[in-house]
Amino acid sequence: MKEKSNFGKAFDELLHGKDEDHEAAEMAVETVNGFDPEPSAAHIAAVASAQAQVPRQSAEATITADMVIKGSVTSSSNINVFGTILGDVTCENDMVVSGHIEGNINARSFQLVSGSINGDIVAKSMVDLAQGSNVNGNISAERISVDSKVTGNLSASNVVRLNANAVIDGNIKAGSISIQEGAELKGNLDIHKAQEKLETI
């Protein structure tokens, strides 16, 4: 058997440790440069297996202030938006926006630090709208906290908090509500207790 290239040795070390000699490394085909331009199916499978064993860290996507994305965005990681998105956004984790979105948003939690949203917002846990931001659309979440202007309906399974700078032009439906002095509401208010789940024996 001919001597392994540096690539083959490094690959061996990655898969099996420094001193072990397994069939996967022997399947590596050497060329003049020490690399195989067309690796075998077994070689590709071994590399894929090694990559799958590397632990993946939680990633974070960032849309910078000078970026404009035209089209829908889907991410399993957290998203920070400083720029503009012209399309719907689906985020399996947390989303923080300081830019502008023209489209519907679906996320685990959503925070609007500044900027504006023209579309509906649906979050599994909470929606937090900071002072100086603006939303034109309906909002649905477990908890909603507003310190900005919203043109649309709010629906919370738990609580809606209207802080002093909140201006709501729409209806509110929630389990409970907290309204600070200075907040404005132009719409109907429906406060209802969540129905208790029946226990089955």
C-alpha atoms as a PDB file:
ATOM      1  CA  MET A   1       0.000   0.000   0.000  1.00  0.00           C
ATOM      2  CA  LYS A   2       1.404   3.395  -0.942  1.00  0.00           C
ATOM      3  CA  GLU A   3       2.089   6.035   1.686  1.00  0.00           C
ATOM      4  CA  LYS A   4      -0.782   8.342   2.605  1.00  0.00           C
ATOM      5  CA  SER A   5      -0.769  11.995   1.547  1.00  0.00           C
ATOM      6  CA  ASN A   6      -0.974  14.782   4.105  1.00  0.00           C
ATOM      7  CA  PHE A   7      -4.646  15.123   3.216  1.00  0.00           C
ATOM      8  CA  GLY A   8      -5.235  11.426   3.895  1.00  0.00           C
ATOM      9  CA  LYS A   9      -3.395  11.633   7.237  1.00  0.00           C
ATOM     10  CA  ALA A  10      -5.304  14.734   8.294  1.00  0.00           C
ATOM     11  CA  PHE A  11      -8.572  13.106   7.280  1.00  0.00           C
ATOM     12  CA  ASP A  12      -7.647  10.002   9.279  1.00  0.00           C
ATOM     13  CA  GLU A  13      -6.903  12.119  12.351  1.00  0.00           C
ATOM     14  CA  LEU A  14     -10.196  13.963  11.998  1.00  0.00           C
ATOM     15  CA  LEU A  15     -12.234  10.781  11.780  1.00  0.00           C
ATOM     16  CA  HIS A  16     -10.415   8.397  14.070  1.00  0.00           C
ATOM     17  CA  GLY A  17      -7.691  10.118  16.053  1.00  0.00           C
ATOM     18  CA  LYS A  18      -3.957  10.295  15.352  1.00  0.00           C
ATOM     19  CA  ASP A  19      -2.817   6.673  15.522  1.00  0.00           C
ATOM     20  CA  GLU A  20      -5.762   4.703  14.178  1.00  0.00           C
ATOM     21  CA  ASP A  21      -5.752   3.275  10.651  1.00  0.00           C
ATOM     22  CA  HIS A  22      -9.206   2.530   9.198  1.00  0.00           C
ATOM     23  CA  GLU A  23     -10.597   1.601   5.807  1.00  0.00           C
ATOM     24  CA  ALA A  24     -12.168   5.066   5.249  1.00  0.00           C
ATOM     25  CA  ALA A  25      -8.724   6.657   5.036  1.00  0.00           C
ATOM     26  CA  GLU A  26      -7.426   3.916   2.735  1.00  0.00           C
ATOM     27  CA  MET A  27     -10.191   4.657   0.258  1.00  0.00           C
ATOM     28  CA  ALA A  28      -8.809   8.161  -0.365  1.00  0.00           C
ATOM     29  CA  VAL A  29      -7.496   8.293  -3.925  1.00  0.00           C
ATOM     30  CA  GLU A  30      -4.297  10.287  -4.339  1.00  0.00           C
ATOM     31  CA  THR A  31      -3.438  12.442  -7.310  1.00  0.00           C
ATOM     32  CA  VAL A  32      -0.331  14.378  -8.231  1.00  0.00           C
ATOM     33  CA  ASN A  33      -1.337  17.221  -5.925  1.00  0.00           C
ATOM     34  CA  GLY A  34      -2.381  14.946  -3.089  1.00  0.00           C
ATOM     35  CA  PHE A  35      -6.124  15.602  -3.559  1.00  0.00           C
ATOM     36  CA  ASP A  36      -8.757  13.656  -5.442  1.00  0.00           C
ATOM     37  CA  PRO A  37     -10.700  15.900  -7.839  1.00  0.00           C
ATOM     38  CA  GLU A  38     -13.446  13.247  -8.011  1.00  0.00           C
ATOM     39  CA  PRO A  39     -13.594  11.491  -4.617  1.00  0.00           C
ATOM     40  CA  SER A  40     -15.338   8.143  -4.294  1.00  0.00           C
ATOM     41  CA  ALA A  41     -18.833   7.785  -2.845  1.00  0.00           C
ATOM     42  CA  ALA A  42     -17.367   6.109   0.267  1.00  0.00           C
ATOM     43  CA  HIS A  43     -14.966   9.035   0.721  1.00  0.00           C
ATOM     44  CA  ILE A  44     -17.806  11.579   0.424  1.00  0.00           C
ATOM     45  CA  ALA A  45     -19.904   9.584   2.911  1.00  0.00           C
ATOM     46  CA  ALA A  46     -16.994   9.489   5.388  1.00  0.00           C
ATOM     47  CA  VAL A  47     -16.511  13.278   5.166  1.00  0.00           C
ATOM     48  CA  ALA A  48     -20.262  13.875   5.617  1.00  0.00           C
ATOM     49  CA  SER A  49     -20.256  11.594   8.667  1.00  0.00           C
ATOM     50  CA  ALA A  50     -17.328  13.496  10.194  1.00  0.00           C
ATOM     51  CA  GLN A  51     -19.038  16.846   9.604  1.00  0.00           C
ATOM     52  CA  ALA A  52     -22.261  15.594  11.175  1.00  0.00           C
ATOM     53  CA  GLN A  53     -20.374  14.766  14.381  1.00  0.00           C
ATOM     54  CA  VAL A  54     -19.112  18.341  14.803  1.00  0.00           C
ATOM     55  CA  PRO A  55     -21.371  20.144  17.317  1.00  0.00           C
ATOM     56  CA  ARG A  56     -23.162  23.098  15.740  1.00  0.00           C
ATOM     57  CA  GLN A  57     -23.369  26.326  17.698  1.00  0.00           C
ATOM     58  CA  SER A  58     -26.468  28.497  17.694  1.00  0.00           C
ATOM     59  CA  ALA A  59     -26.059  30.913  14.805  1.00  0.00           C
ATOM     60  CA  GLU A  60     -27.334  34.454  14.435  1.00  0.00           C
ATOM     61  CA  ALA A  61     -28.336  36.117  11.174  1.00  0.00           C
ATOM     62  CA  THR A  62     -27.783  39.861  10.818  1.00  0.00           C
ATOM     63  CA  ILE A  63     -29.286  42.097   8.148  1.00  0.00           C
ATOM     64  CA  THR A  64     -27.014  45.164   8.177  1.00  0.00           C
ATOM     65  CA  ALA A  65     -28.274  48.742   7.796  1.00  0.00           C
ATOM     66  CA  ASP A  66     -27.152  49.010   4.155  1.00  0.00           C
ATOM     67  CA  MET A  67     -28.893  45.783   3.079  1.00  0.00           C
ATOM     68  CA  VAL A  68     -32.244  45.561   1.263  1.00  0.00           C
ATOM     69  CA  ILE A  69     -33.695  42.060   0.891  1.00  0.00           C
ATOM     70  CA  LYS A  70     -36.498  41.607  -1.629  1.00  0.00           C
ATOM     71  CA  GLY A  71     -38.291  38.344  -0.923  1.00  0.00           C
ATOM     72  CA  SER A  72     -39.213  36.077   1.971  1.00  0.00           C
ATOM     73  CA  VAL A  73     -36.703  35.230   4.705  1.00  0.00           C
ATOM     74  CA  THR A  74     -36.718  31.983   6.705  1.00  0.00           C
ATOM     75  CA  SER A  75     -34.248  31.213   9.504  1.00  0.00           C
ATOM     76  CA  SER A  76     -33.882  28.682  12.314  1.00  0.00           C
ATOM     77  CA  SER A  77     -31.443  31.007  14.128  1.00  0.00           C
ATOM     78  CA  ASN A  78     -31.942  34.389  15.798  1.00  0.00           C
ATOM     79  CA  ILE A  79     -32.347  37.333  13.410  1.00  0.00           C
ATOM     80  CA  ASN A  80     -31.176  40.930  13.896  1.00  0.00           C
ATOM     81  CA  VAL A  81     -32.563  43.361  11.314  1.00  0.00           C
ATOM     82  CA  PHE A  82     -30.943  46.779  10.922  1.00  0.00           C
ATOM     83  CA  GLY A  83     -31.757  47.102   7.205  1.00  0.00           C
ATOM     84  CA  THR A  84     -34.878  46.582   5.093  1.00  0.00           C
ATOM     85  CA  ILE A  85     -36.795  43.408   4.231  1.00  0.00           C
ATOM     86  CA  LEU A  86     -39.479  43.557   1.547  1.00  0.00           C
ATOM     87  CA  GLY A  87     -41.186  40.229   2.179  1.00  0.00           C
ATOM     88  CA  ASP A  88     -42.450  37.891   4.906  1.00  0.00           C
ATOM     89  CA  VAL A  89     -40.091  36.735   7.672  1.00  0.00           C
ATOM     90  CA  THR A  90     -40.263  33.395   9.495  1.00  0.00           C
ATOM     91  CA  CYS A  91     -37.898  32.912  12.436  1.00  0.00           C
ATOM     92  CA  GLU A  92     -37.886  29.815  14.646  1.00  0.00           C
ATOM     93  CA  ASN A  93     -36.084  31.732  17.405  1.00  0.00           C
ATOM     94  CA  ASP A  94     -35.856  35.357  18.587  1.00  0.00           C
ATOM     95  CA  MET A  95     -36.011  38.386  16.333  1.00  0.00           C
ATOM     96  CA  VAL A  96     -34.836  41.956  17.025  1.00  0.00           C
ATOM     97  CA  VAL A  97     -35.585  44.734  14.533  1.00  0.00           C
ATOM     98  CA  SER A  98     -34.127  48.237  14.270  1.00  0.00           C
ATOM     99  CA  GLY A  99     -34.944  48.628  10.579  1.00  0.00           C
ATOM    100  CA  HIS A 100     -37.956  48.325   8.297  1.00  0.00           C
ATOM    101  CA  ILE A 101     -40.012  45.287   7.249  1.00  0.00           C
ATOM    102  CA  GLU A 102     -42.773  45.249   4.628  1.00  0.00           C
ATOM    103  CA  GLY A 103     -44.339  41.847   5.247  1.00  0.00           C
ATOM    104  CA  ASN A 104     -45.775  39.495   7.845  1.00  0.00           C
ATOM    105  CA  ILE A 105     -43.589  38.229  10.692  1.00  0.00           C
ATOM    106  CA  ASN A 106     -43.709  34.894  12.517  1.00  0.00           C
ATOM    107  CA  ALA A 107     -41.175  34.309  15.326  1.00  0.00           C
ATOM    108  CA  ARG A 108     -40.685  32.763  18.756  1.00  0.00           C
ATOM    109  CA  SER A 109     -40.288  36.249  20.257  1.00  0.00           C
ATOM    110  CA  PHE A 110     -40.167  39.662  18.595  1.00  0.00           C
ATOM    111  CA  GLN A 111     -38.666  42.986  19.675  1.00  0.00           C
ATOM    112  CA  LEU A 112     -38.961  46.232  17.699  1.00  0.00           C
ATOM    113  CA  VAL A 113     -36.278  48.580  19.039  1.00  0.00           C
ATOM    114  CA  SER A 114     -36.810  51.266  16.388  1.00  0.00           C
ATOM    115  CA  GLY A 115     -38.025  51.456  12.813  1.00  0.00           C
ATOM    116  CA  SER A 116     -41.319  50.245  11.398  1.00  0.00           C
ATOM    117  CA  ILE A 117     -43.288  47.154  10.446  1.00  0.00           C
ATOM    118  CA  ASN A 118     -45.976  47.121   7.776  1.00  0.00           C
ATOM    119  CA  GLY A 119     -47.547  43.686   8.266  1.00  0.00           C
ATOM    120  CA  ASP A 120     -48.931  41.320  10.890  1.00  0.00           C
ATOM    121  CA  ILE A 121     -46.768  40.017  13.750  1.00  0.00           C
ATOM    122  CA  VAL A 122     -47.295  36.567  15.296  1.00  0.00           C
ATOM    123  CA  ALA A 123     -45.048  35.387  18.150  1.00  0.00           C
ATOM    124  CA  LYS A 124     -45.190  32.281  20.329  1.00  0.00           C
ATOM    125  CA  SER A 125     -44.030  34.055  23.485  1.00  0.00           C
ATOM    126  CA  MET A 126     -43.738  37.865  23.535  1.00  0.00           C
ATOM    127  CA  VAL A 127     -43.834  40.986  21.398  1.00  0.00           C
ATOM    128  CA  ASP A 128     -42.102  44.129  22.715  1.00  0.00           C
ATOM    129  CA  LEU A 129     -42.457  47.439  20.833  1.00  0.00           C
ATOM    130  CA  ALA A 130     -40.123  50.189  22.064  1.00  0.00           C
ATOM    131  CA  GLN A 131     -40.742  53.933  22.032  1.00  0.00           C
ATOM    132  CA  GLY A 132     -40.263  55.554  18.632  1.00  0.00           C
ATOM    133  CA  SER A 133     -41.205  52.473  16.606  1.00  0.00           C
ATOM    134  CA  ASN A 134     -44.311  52.034  14.469  1.00  0.00           C
ATOM    135  CA  VAL A 135     -46.457  49.021  13.481  1.00  0.00           C
ATOM    136  CA  ASN A 136     -49.206  48.949  10.882  1.00  0.00           C
ATOM    137  CA  GLY A 137     -50.728  45.482  11.295  1.00  0.00           C
ATOM    138  CA  ASN A 138     -52.294  43.050  13.752  1.00  0.00           C
ATOM    139  CA  ILE A 139     -50.248  41.575  16.613  1.00  0.00           C
ATOM    140  CA  SER A 140     -50.775  38.176  18.246  1.00  0.00           C
ATOM    141  CA  ALA A 141     -48.641  36.671  21.057  1.00  0.00           C
ATOM    142  CA  GLU A 142     -48.724  35.295  24.576  1.00  0.00           C
ATOM    143  CA  ARG A 143     -47.575  38.662  26.005  1.00  0.00           C
ATOM    144  CA  ILE A 144     -47.539  42.059  24.288  1.00  0.00           C
ATOM    145  CA  SER A 145     -45.810  45.205  25.559  1.00  0.00           C
ATOM    146  CA  VAL A 146     -46.313  48.445  23.617  1.00  0.00           C
ATOM    147  CA  ASP A 147     -44.598  51.828  24.043  1.00  0.00           C
ATOM    148  CA  SER A 148     -45.160  52.992  20.459  1.00  0.00           C
ATOM    149  CA  LYS A 149     -47.839  53.537  17.809  1.00  0.00           C
ATOM    150  CA  VAL A 150     -49.818  50.542  16.515  1.00  0.00           C
ATOM    151  CA  THR A 151     -52.527  50.670  13.860  1.00  0.00           C
ATOM    152  CA  GLY A 152     -54.119  47.246  14.161  1.00  0.00           C
ATOM    153  CA  ASN A 153     -55.622  44.787  16.629  1.00  0.00           C
ATOM    154  CA  LEU A 154     -53.752  43.262  19.588  1.00  0.00           C
ATOM    155  CA  SER A 155     -54.494  39.712  20.764  1.00  0.00           C
ATOM    156  CA  ALA A 156     -52.675  38.194  23.756  1.00  0.00           C
ATOM    157  CA  SER A 157     -53.434  34.906  25.471  1.00  0.00           C
ATOM    158  CA  ASN A 158     -51.861  36.334  28.643  1.00  0.00           C
ATOM    159  CA  VAL A 159     -51.281  40.080  29.144  1.00  0.00           C
ATOM    160  CA  VAL A 160     -51.134  43.316  27.154  1.00  0.00           C
ATOM    161  CA  ARG A 161     -49.112  46.184  28.648  1.00  0.00           C
ATOM    162  CA  LEU A 162     -49.643  49.691  27.274  1.00  0.00           C
ATOM    163  CA  ASN A 163     -46.817  51.949  28.416  1.00  0.00           C
ATOM    164  CA  ALA A 164     -46.999  55.749  28.612  1.00  0.00           C
ATOM    165  CA  ASN A 165     -46.147  56.350  24.918  1.00  0.00           C
ATOM    166  CA  ALA A 166     -48.501  53.701  23.508  1.00  0.00           C
ATOM    167  CA  VAL A 167     -51.000  54.855  20.881  1.00  0.00           C
ATOM    168  CA  ILE A 168     -53.316  52.032  19.750  1.00  0.00           C
ATOM    169  CA  ASP A 169     -55.793  52.428  16.892  1.00  0.00           C
ATOM    170  CA  GLY A 170     -57.487  49.038  17.033  1.00  0.00           C
ATOM    171  CA  ASN A 171     -59.154  46.501  19.305  1.00  0.00           C
ATOM    172  CA  ILE A 172     -57.467  44.669  22.181  1.00  0.00           C
ATOM    173  CA  LYS A 173     -58.272  41.136  23.309  1.00  0.00           C
ATOM    174  CA  ALA A 174     -56.276  39.759  26.252  1.00  0.00           C
ATOM    175  CA  GLY A 175     -56.335  37.734  29.459  1.00  0.00           C
ATOM    176  CA  SER A 176     -55.374  40.851  31.416  1.00  0.00           C
ATOM    177  CA  ILE A 177     -54.275  44.406  30.689  1.00  0.00           C
ATOM    178  CA  SER A 178     -52.009  47.027  32.242  1.00  0.00           C
ATOM    179  CA  ILE A 179     -52.333  50.639  31.069  1.00  0.00           C
ATOM    180  CA  GLN A 180     -49.975  53.407  32.165  1.00  0.00           C
ATOM    181  CA  GLU A 181     -51.060  57.023  32.361  1.00  0.00           C
ATOM    182  CA  GLY A 182     -50.578  58.708  28.985  1.00  0.00           C
ATOM    183  CA  ALA A 183     -51.390  55.668  26.850  1.00  0.00           C
ATOM    184  CA  GLU A 184     -54.068  56.116  24.174  1.00  0.00           C
ATOM    185  CA  LEU A 185     -56.566  53.527  22.938  1.00  0.00           C
ATOM    186  CA  LYS A 186     -59.063  54.016  20.118  1.00  0.00           C
ATOM    187  CA  GLY A 187     -60.954  50.732  19.901  1.00  0.00           C
ATOM    188  CA  ASN A 188     -62.746  48.047  21.885  1.00  0.00           C
ATOM    189  CA  LEU A 189     -61.316  46.224  24.880  1.00  0.00           C
ATOM    190  CA  ASP A 190     -62.080  42.525  25.543  1.00  0.00           C
ATOM    191  CA  ILE A 191     -60.544  41.146  28.744  1.00  0.00           C
ATOM    192  CA  HIS A 192     -61.162  37.443  29.361  1.00  0.00           C
ATOM    193  CA  LYS A 193     -59.654  34.842  31.623  1.00  0.00           C
ATOM    194  CA  ALA A 194     -58.029  31.900  29.896  1.00  0.00           C
ATOM    195  CA  GLN A 195     -60.146  28.771  30.254  1.00  0.00           C
ATOM    196  CA  GLU A 196     -58.671  26.243  32.645  1.00  0.00           C
ATOM    197  CA  LYS A 197     -57.739  22.944  31.046  1.00  0.00           C
ATOM    198  CA  LEU A 198     -59.849  20.026  32.243  1.00  0.00           C
ATOM    199  CA  GLU A 199     -57.814  17.219  33.778  1.00  0.00           C
ATOM    200  CA  THR A 200     -58.662  13.752  32.568  1.00  0.00           C
ATOM    201  CA  ILE A 201     -58.314  10.728  34.807  1.00  0.00           C
END
